Amino acid sequence: MKSSTKISSPEELGRYLLKERKHLKLTQKEISEFADVGRKFIIELEKGKATAQLGKVFELLDSLGLEFHLIKRGDR
């Protein structure tokens, strides 16, 4: 079974992405280059910035080998 994590806030997303980046042993600079986003964006997102650009978030998710899925409450 594939693992999943419920994310309910920008702060939770930031903590999860930070944990995943560290698990992959990547620096903020390295992942910013892989994702083609600025290091400042990575820093702010990992701190839970609520106004992050969604397109850049998807680029980062892809670079970390993650996918975004939406599941209706109660369908799980």
N, C-alpha and C. Protein backbone atom coordinates (compact mmCIF):
# COMPACT_ATOMS: atom_id res chain seq x y z
N MET A 1 0.85 -1.19 0.00
CA MET A 1 0.00 0.00 0.00
C MET A 1 0.89 1.24 0.00
N LYS A 2 0.54 2.19 -0.81
CA LYS A 2 1.29 3.46 -0.87
C LYS A 2 0.97 4.28 0.37
N SER A 3 1.98 4.99 0.87
CA SER A 3 1.75 5.82 2.04
C SER A 3 1.20 7.18 1.62
N SER A 4 0.46 7.78 2.52
CA SER A 4 -0.05 9.12 2.26
C SER A 4 0.01 9.89 3.57
N THR A 5 0.00 11.20 3.44
CA THR A 5 0.05 12.09 4.60
C THR A 5 -1.00 13.16 4.40
N LYS A 6 -1.83 13.35 5.40
CA LYS A 6 -2.83 14.41 5.34
C LYS A 6 -2.15 15.73 5.68
N ILE A 7 -2.33 16.70 4.81
CA ILE A 7 -1.78 18.04 4.99
C ILE A 7 -2.96 19.00 5.13
N SER A 8 -3.00 19.71 6.24
CA SER A 8 -4.14 20.59 6.52
C SER A 8 -3.80 22.07 6.59
N SER A 9 -2.53 22.40 6.40
CA SER A 9 -2.15 23.81 6.50
C SER A 9 -0.84 24.04 5.75
N PRO A 10 -0.54 25.30 5.42
CA PRO A 10 0.75 25.60 4.79
C PRO A 10 1.92 25.20 5.68
N GLU A 11 1.76 25.33 7.00
CA GLU A 11 2.83 24.95 7.92
C GLU A 11 3.10 23.45 7.86
N GLU A 12 2.04 22.65 7.80
CA GLU A 12 2.21 21.20 7.71
C GLU A 12 2.89 20.82 6.39
N LEU A 13 2.50 21.48 5.32
CA LEU A 13 3.12 21.21 4.02
C LEU A 13 4.61 21.56 4.08
N GLY A 14 4.93 22.70 4.67
CA GLY A 14 6.33 23.11 4.79
C GLY A 14 7.16 22.12 5.58
N ARG A 15 6.61 21.67 6.72
CA ARG A 15 7.34 20.69 7.55
C ARG A 15 7.53 19.38 6.79
N TYR A 16 6.51 18.95 6.06
CA TYR A 16 6.62 17.70 5.31
C TYR A 16 7.68 17.81 4.22
N LEU A 17 7.65 18.92 3.48
CA LEU A 17 8.63 19.10 2.39
C LEU A 17 10.05 19.21 2.93
N LEU A 18 10.22 19.88 4.06
CA LEU A 18 11.53 19.96 4.70
C LEU A 18 12.03 18.56 5.08
N LYS A 19 11.14 17.77 5.70
CA LYS A 19 11.51 16.41 6.09
C LYS A 19 11.89 15.57 4.87
N GLU A 20 11.13 15.69 3.80
CA GLU A 20 11.40 14.92 2.59
C GLU A 20 12.71 15.35 1.94
N ARG A 21 12.96 16.66 1.90
CA ARG A 21 14.22 17.15 1.33
C ARG A 21 15.41 16.62 2.11
N LYS A 22 15.30 16.65 3.43
CA LYS A 22 16.39 16.16 4.27
C LYS A 22 16.57 14.66 4.12
N HIS A 23 15.46 13.94 3.98
CA HIS A 23 15.53 12.49 3.76
C HIS A 23 16.31 12.18 2.48
N LEU A 24 16.13 13.02 1.47
CA LEU A 24 16.84 12.85 0.20
C LEU A 24 18.27 13.41 0.26
N LYS A 25 18.62 13.99 1.40
CA LYS A 25 19.96 14.57 1.61
C LYS A 25 20.29 15.66 0.59
N LEU A 26 19.30 16.53 0.37
CA LEU A 26 19.46 17.65 -0.55
C LEU A 26 19.47 18.95 0.22
N THR A 27 20.29 19.89 -0.23
CA THR A 27 20.28 21.23 0.37
C THR A 27 19.16 22.04 -0.27
N GLN A 28 18.84 23.16 0.37
CA GLN A 28 17.85 24.06 -0.23
C GLN A 28 18.34 24.55 -1.59
N LYS A 29 19.61 24.80 -1.71
CA LYS A 29 20.17 25.26 -2.99
C LYS A 29 20.02 24.18 -4.07
N GLU A 30 20.33 22.94 -3.71
CA GLU A 30 20.22 21.86 -4.70
C GLU A 30 18.79 21.66 -5.17
N ILE A 31 17.84 21.60 -4.22
CA ILE A 31 16.46 21.36 -4.63
C ILE A 31 15.89 22.56 -5.38
N SER A 32 16.35 23.76 -5.05
CA SER A 32 15.87 24.94 -5.79
C SER A 32 16.34 24.87 -7.25
N GLU A 33 17.54 24.35 -7.46
CA GLU A 33 18.05 24.20 -8.83
C GLU A 33 17.29 23.09 -9.58
N PHE A 34 17.04 21.96 -8.90
CA PHE A 34 16.29 20.87 -9.53
C PHE A 34 14.89 21.32 -9.91
N ALA A 35 14.25 22.08 -9.02
CA ALA A 35 12.87 22.50 -9.23
C ALA A 35 12.75 23.77 -10.05
N ASP A 36 13.89 24.41 -10.33
CA ASP A 36 13.91 25.66 -11.09
C ASP A 36 13.10 26.75 -10.38
N VAL A 37 13.32 26.83 -9.07
CA VAL A 37 12.72 27.90 -8.26
C VAL A 37 13.84 28.51 -7.43
N GLY A 38 13.60 29.67 -6.89
CA GLY A 38 14.62 30.32 -6.08
C GLY A 38 14.76 29.69 -4.71
N ARG A 39 15.95 29.80 -4.15
CA ARG A 39 16.19 29.28 -2.80
C ARG A 39 15.29 29.97 -1.78
N LYS A 40 15.04 31.25 -1.98
CA LYS A 40 14.15 32.00 -1.08
C LYS A 40 12.76 31.36 -1.06
N PHE A 41 12.30 30.91 -2.23
CA PHE A 41 10.99 30.25 -2.29
C PHE A 41 10.99 28.99 -1.42
N ILE A 42 12.07 28.19 -1.50
CA ILE A 42 12.18 26.97 -0.70
C ILE A 42 12.15 27.31 0.78
N ILE A 43 12.92 28.30 1.17
CA ILE A 43 12.98 28.72 2.57
C ILE A 43 11.60 29.12 3.06
N GLU A 44 10.91 29.96 2.31
CA GLU A 44 9.59 30.45 2.72
C GLU A 44 8.57 29.32 2.75
N LEU A 45 8.60 28.44 1.78
CA LEU A 45 7.65 27.33 1.74
C LEU A 45 7.87 26.40 2.92
N GLU A 46 9.12 26.09 3.22
CA GLU A 46 9.41 25.21 4.35
C GLU A 46 9.01 25.84 5.69
N LYS A 47 8.93 27.16 5.72
CA LYS A 47 8.48 27.86 6.94
C LYS A 47 6.96 27.99 6.99
N GLY A 48 6.26 27.52 5.93
CA GLY A 48 4.81 27.53 5.94
C GLY A 48 4.16 28.75 5.33
N LYS A 49 4.85 29.43 4.44
CA LYS A 49 4.28 30.62 3.81
C LYS A 49 2.97 30.26 3.11
N ALA A 50 1.91 30.97 3.47
CA ALA A 50 0.58 30.66 2.97
C ALA A 50 0.33 31.15 1.54
N THR A 51 1.16 32.05 1.06
CA THR A 51 0.91 32.64 -0.26
C THR A 51 1.86 32.13 -1.33
N ALA A 52 2.38 30.94 -1.17
CA ALA A 52 3.31 30.37 -2.16
C ALA A 52 2.61 30.17 -3.49
N GLN A 53 3.34 30.39 -4.56
CA GLN A 53 2.79 30.21 -5.91
C GLN A 53 2.57 28.73 -6.18
N LEU A 54 1.34 28.38 -6.52
CA LEU A 54 0.96 26.98 -6.69
C LEU A 54 1.78 26.28 -7.77
N GLY A 55 2.06 26.95 -8.86
CA GLY A 55 2.85 26.35 -9.93
C GLY A 55 4.23 25.95 -9.45
N LYS A 56 4.83 26.80 -8.64
CA LYS A 56 6.15 26.50 -8.09
C LYS A 56 6.07 25.35 -7.09
N VAL A 57 4.98 25.27 -6.33
CA VAL A 57 4.80 24.17 -5.39
C VAL A 57 4.79 22.85 -6.16
N PHE A 58 4.08 22.81 -7.29
CA PHE A 58 4.03 21.59 -8.09
C PHE A 58 5.39 21.24 -8.67
N GLU A 59 6.17 22.23 -9.05
CA GLU A 59 7.53 21.96 -9.54
C GLU A 59 8.38 21.33 -8.43
N LEU A 60 8.24 21.87 -7.22
CA LEU A 60 8.99 21.33 -6.10
C LEU A 60 8.54 19.91 -5.77
N LEU A 61 7.24 19.67 -5.73
CA LEU A 61 6.73 18.32 -5.47
C LEU A 61 7.30 17.33 -6.47
N ASP A 62 7.30 17.71 -7.73
CA ASP A 62 7.84 16.84 -8.78
C ASP A 62 9.32 16.56 -8.54
N SER A 63 10.07 17.57 -8.18
CA SER A 63 11.50 17.41 -7.95
C SER A 63 11.80 16.51 -6.75
N LEU A 64 10.87 16.46 -5.79
CA LEU A 64 11.05 15.59 -4.63
C LEU A 64 10.46 14.20 -4.85
N GLY A 65 9.90 13.98 -6.04
CA GLY A 65 9.31 12.68 -6.34
C GLY A 65 7.95 12.48 -5.67
N LEU A 66 7.25 13.59 -5.42
CA LEU A 66 5.95 13.54 -4.76
C LEU A 66 4.84 13.88 -5.74
N GLU A 67 3.64 13.38 -5.44
CA GLU A 67 2.45 13.68 -6.24
C GLU A 67 1.41 14.32 -5.35
N PHE A 68 0.54 15.10 -5.95
CA PHE A 68 -0.53 15.79 -5.24
C PHE A 68 -1.84 15.08 -5.57
N HIS A 69 -2.55 14.62 -4.55
CA HIS A 69 -3.84 13.93 -4.75
C HIS A 69 -4.88 14.59 -3.88
N LEU A 70 -6.07 14.73 -4.41
CA LEU A 70 -7.20 15.22 -3.62
C LEU A 70 -8.17 14.06 -3.40
N ILE A 71 -8.62 13.92 -2.16
CA ILE A 71 -9.57 12.87 -1.81
C ILE A 71 -10.71 13.52 -1.07
N LYS A 72 -11.94 13.25 -1.51
CA LYS A 72 -13.09 13.79 -0.85
C LYS A 72 -13.19 13.24 0.56
N ARG A 73 -13.49 14.10 1.52
CA ARG A 73 -13.65 13.64 2.91
C ARG A 73 -14.69 12.52 2.93
N GLY A 74 -14.39 11.49 3.67
CA GLY A 74 -15.32 10.38 3.80
C GLY A 74 -15.12 9.29 2.75
N ASP A 75 -14.37 9.59 1.68
CA ASP A 75 -14.13 8.59 0.63
C ASP A 75 -12.94 7.71 0.95
N ARG A 76 -12.35 7.91 2.04
CA ARG A 76 -11.14 7.19 2.38
C ARG A 76 -11.40 6.08 3.35
